[in-house]
Amino acid sequence: MSISHQDHAYPEPAAHPNWSSRHHKPRPLTPAQQKQNRDALLRAQHTPRPRHTTMKAAR
C-alpha cells in the first residue's frame, strides 16, 4: 500500500531557517580555546562523580 501526499493529516512543517546551510560557517577555535577545551575535558574525565544520597539509603 502506497501512501500518497493526500493521506497525511497535516502537511510537513517547513524547516527552521537555522537548519539551512546558506549561512556562514562557524569560526574555528583559536589555539587558546582549543587548549582550554582540552584541559576542561581532561579535568571532567578524571574527576569522580559526586555520590548522591537518596531517601531510601538514608532510612
N, C-alpha and C. Protein backbone atom coordinates (compact mmCIF):
# COMPACT_ATOMS: atom_id res chain seq x y z
N MET A 1 0.85 -1.18 0.00
CA MET A 1 0.00 0.00 0.00
C MET A 1 0.89 1.24 0.00
N SER A 2 0.68 2.10 -0.93
CA SER A 2 1.48 3.31 -1.01
C SER A 2 0.76 4.46 -0.31
N ILE A 3 1.55 5.33 0.25
CA ILE A 3 0.99 6.49 0.94
C ILE A 3 1.18 7.69 0.03
N SER A 4 0.09 8.31 -0.31
CA SER A 4 0.19 9.50 -1.16
C SER A 4 0.20 10.75 -0.30
N HIS A 5 0.44 11.87 -0.92
CA HIS A 5 0.51 13.14 -0.19
C HIS A 5 -0.83 13.45 0.47
N GLN A 6 -1.93 13.03 -0.12
CA GLN A 6 -3.25 13.33 0.43
C GLN A 6 -3.56 12.50 1.67
N ASP A 7 -2.83 11.42 1.91
CA ASP A 7 -3.11 10.56 3.05
C ASP A 7 -2.65 11.16 4.38
N HIS A 8 -1.81 12.15 4.35
CA HIS A 8 -1.30 12.75 5.58
C HIS A 8 -2.34 13.69 6.18
N ALA A 9 -2.45 13.65 7.51
CA ALA A 9 -3.42 14.52 8.17
C ALA A 9 -2.99 15.98 8.09
N TYR A 10 -1.69 16.23 8.23
CA TYR A 10 -1.17 17.58 8.18
C TYR A 10 0.04 17.60 7.26
N PRO A 11 0.27 18.70 6.58
CA PRO A 11 1.49 18.78 5.77
C PRO A 11 2.72 18.89 6.66
N GLU A 12 3.84 18.47 6.14
CA GLU A 12 5.08 18.56 6.90
C GLU A 12 5.44 20.03 7.09
N PRO A 13 5.79 20.46 8.31
CA PRO A 13 6.13 21.87 8.51
C PRO A 13 7.43 22.23 7.79
N ALA A 14 7.56 23.48 7.49
CA ALA A 14 8.77 23.96 6.83
C ALA A 14 9.95 23.84 7.78
N ALA A 15 11.11 23.64 7.23
CA ALA A 15 12.32 23.54 8.05
C ALA A 15 12.61 24.89 8.69
N HIS A 16 13.15 24.85 9.89
CA HIS A 16 13.52 26.08 10.59
C HIS A 16 14.63 26.78 9.81
N PRO A 17 14.61 28.11 9.74
CA PRO A 17 15.65 28.82 8.98
C PRO A 17 17.07 28.53 9.47
N ASN A 18 17.24 28.23 10.74
CA ASN A 18 18.58 27.94 11.26
C ASN A 18 19.14 26.63 10.70
N TRP A 19 18.27 25.78 10.16
CA TRP A 19 18.72 24.50 9.63
C TRP A 19 19.32 24.63 8.24
N SER A 20 19.09 25.73 7.59
CA SER A 20 19.60 25.87 6.23
C SER A 20 21.11 26.06 6.25
N SER A 21 21.76 25.65 5.20
CA SER A 21 23.22 25.72 5.16
C SER A 21 23.70 26.92 4.36
N ARG A 22 22.85 27.90 4.15
CA ARG A 22 23.25 29.07 3.38
C ARG A 22 24.08 30.05 4.21
N HIS A 23 24.06 29.88 5.51
CA HIS A 23 24.74 30.84 6.38
C HIS A 23 26.23 30.54 6.47
N HIS A 24 26.94 31.45 7.07
CA HIS A 24 28.38 31.31 7.20
C HIS A 24 28.72 30.16 8.13
N LYS A 25 29.85 29.58 7.90
CA LYS A 25 30.35 28.51 8.76
C LYS A 25 30.84 29.14 10.07
N PRO A 26 30.77 28.40 11.17
CA PRO A 26 31.28 28.95 12.43
C PRO A 26 32.78 29.15 12.36
N ARG A 27 33.24 30.14 13.12
CA ARG A 27 34.69 30.41 13.15
C ARG A 27 35.42 29.27 13.83
N PRO A 28 36.59 28.92 13.35
CA PRO A 28 37.37 27.88 14.04
C PRO A 28 37.84 28.39 15.40
N LEU A 29 38.02 27.46 16.32
CA LEU A 29 38.50 27.83 17.65
C LEU A 29 39.96 28.25 17.57
N THR A 30 40.29 29.21 18.40
CA THR A 30 41.69 29.64 18.48
C THR A 30 42.48 28.57 19.24
N PRO A 31 43.80 28.54 19.10
CA PRO A 31 44.59 27.58 19.87
C PRO A 31 44.36 27.69 21.38
N ALA A 32 44.16 28.91 21.88
CA ALA A 32 43.90 29.09 23.31
C ALA A 32 42.57 28.45 23.70
N GLN A 33 41.55 28.60 22.86
CA GLN A 33 40.25 27.99 23.14
C GLN A 33 40.33 26.47 23.07
N GLN A 34 41.10 25.96 22.10
CA GLN A 34 41.27 24.51 21.98
C GLN A 34 41.94 23.95 23.23
N LYS A 35 42.97 24.65 23.72
CA LYS A 35 43.68 24.20 24.93
C LYS A 35 42.74 24.24 26.13
N GLN A 36 41.95 25.30 26.23
CA GLN A 36 41.01 25.42 27.35
C GLN A 36 40.00 24.27 27.31
N ASN A 37 39.51 23.92 26.12
CA ASN A 37 38.56 22.82 26.00
C ASN A 37 39.20 21.49 26.35
N ARG A 38 40.44 21.28 25.90
CA ARG A 38 41.15 20.03 26.22
C ARG A 38 41.36 19.90 27.72
N ASP A 39 41.79 21.01 28.36
CA ASP A 39 42.02 20.98 29.81
C ASP A 39 40.72 20.69 30.57
N ALA A 40 39.62 21.32 30.15
CA ALA A 40 38.34 21.10 30.82
C ALA A 40 37.88 19.66 30.63
N LEU A 41 38.10 19.10 29.44
CA LEU A 41 37.72 17.72 29.19
C LEU A 41 38.52 16.76 30.05
N LEU A 42 39.82 16.99 30.15
CA LEU A 42 40.66 16.13 30.98
C LEU A 42 40.25 16.21 32.45
N ARG A 43 39.96 17.43 32.94
CA ARG A 43 39.50 17.58 34.33
C ARG A 43 38.20 16.81 34.55
N ALA A 44 37.27 16.94 33.61
CA ALA A 44 35.98 16.28 33.77
C ALA A 44 36.11 14.76 33.72
N GLN A 45 37.02 14.26 32.89
CA GLN A 45 37.18 12.81 32.77
C GLN A 45 37.86 12.21 34.00
N HIS A 46 38.67 12.97 34.70
CA HIS A 46 39.43 12.44 35.83
C HIS A 46 38.88 12.86 37.18
N THR A 47 37.76 13.55 37.19
CA THR A 47 37.13 13.95 38.44
C THR A 47 36.02 12.96 38.77
N PRO A 48 36.05 12.34 39.95
CA PRO A 48 34.99 11.39 40.28
C PRO A 48 33.65 12.10 40.42
N ARG A 49 32.61 11.40 40.03
CA ARG A 49 31.27 11.97 40.15
C ARG A 49 30.85 11.99 41.61
N PRO A 50 30.15 13.03 42.05
CA PRO A 50 29.69 13.05 43.44
C PRO A 50 28.62 11.99 43.66
N ARG A 51 28.66 11.38 44.83
CA ARG A 51 27.65 10.37 45.15
C ARG A 51 26.44 11.07 45.76
N HIS A 52 25.29 10.78 45.21
CA HIS A 52 24.06 11.38 45.71
C HIS A 52 23.39 10.40 46.66
N THR A 53 22.98 10.90 47.80
CA THR A 53 22.25 10.05 48.74
C THR A 53 20.77 10.20 48.46
N THR A 54 20.07 9.09 48.48
CA THR A 54 18.63 9.13 48.25
C THR A 54 17.92 8.91 49.58
N MET A 55 16.65 9.15 49.58
CA MET A 55 15.87 8.97 50.80
C MET A 55 15.85 7.49 51.22
N LYS A 56 15.87 6.57 50.25
CA LYS A 56 15.86 5.14 50.58
C LYS A 56 17.14 4.76 51.31
N ALA A 57 18.27 5.30 50.90
CA ALA A 57 19.54 4.96 51.53
C ALA A 57 19.64 5.57 52.93
N ALA A 58 18.93 6.64 53.19
CA ALA A 58 19.01 7.31 54.48
C ALA A 58 18.20 6.60 55.55
N ARG A 59 17.31 5.69 55.15
CA ARG A 59 16.47 5.01 56.14
C ARG A 59 17.23 4.08 57.02
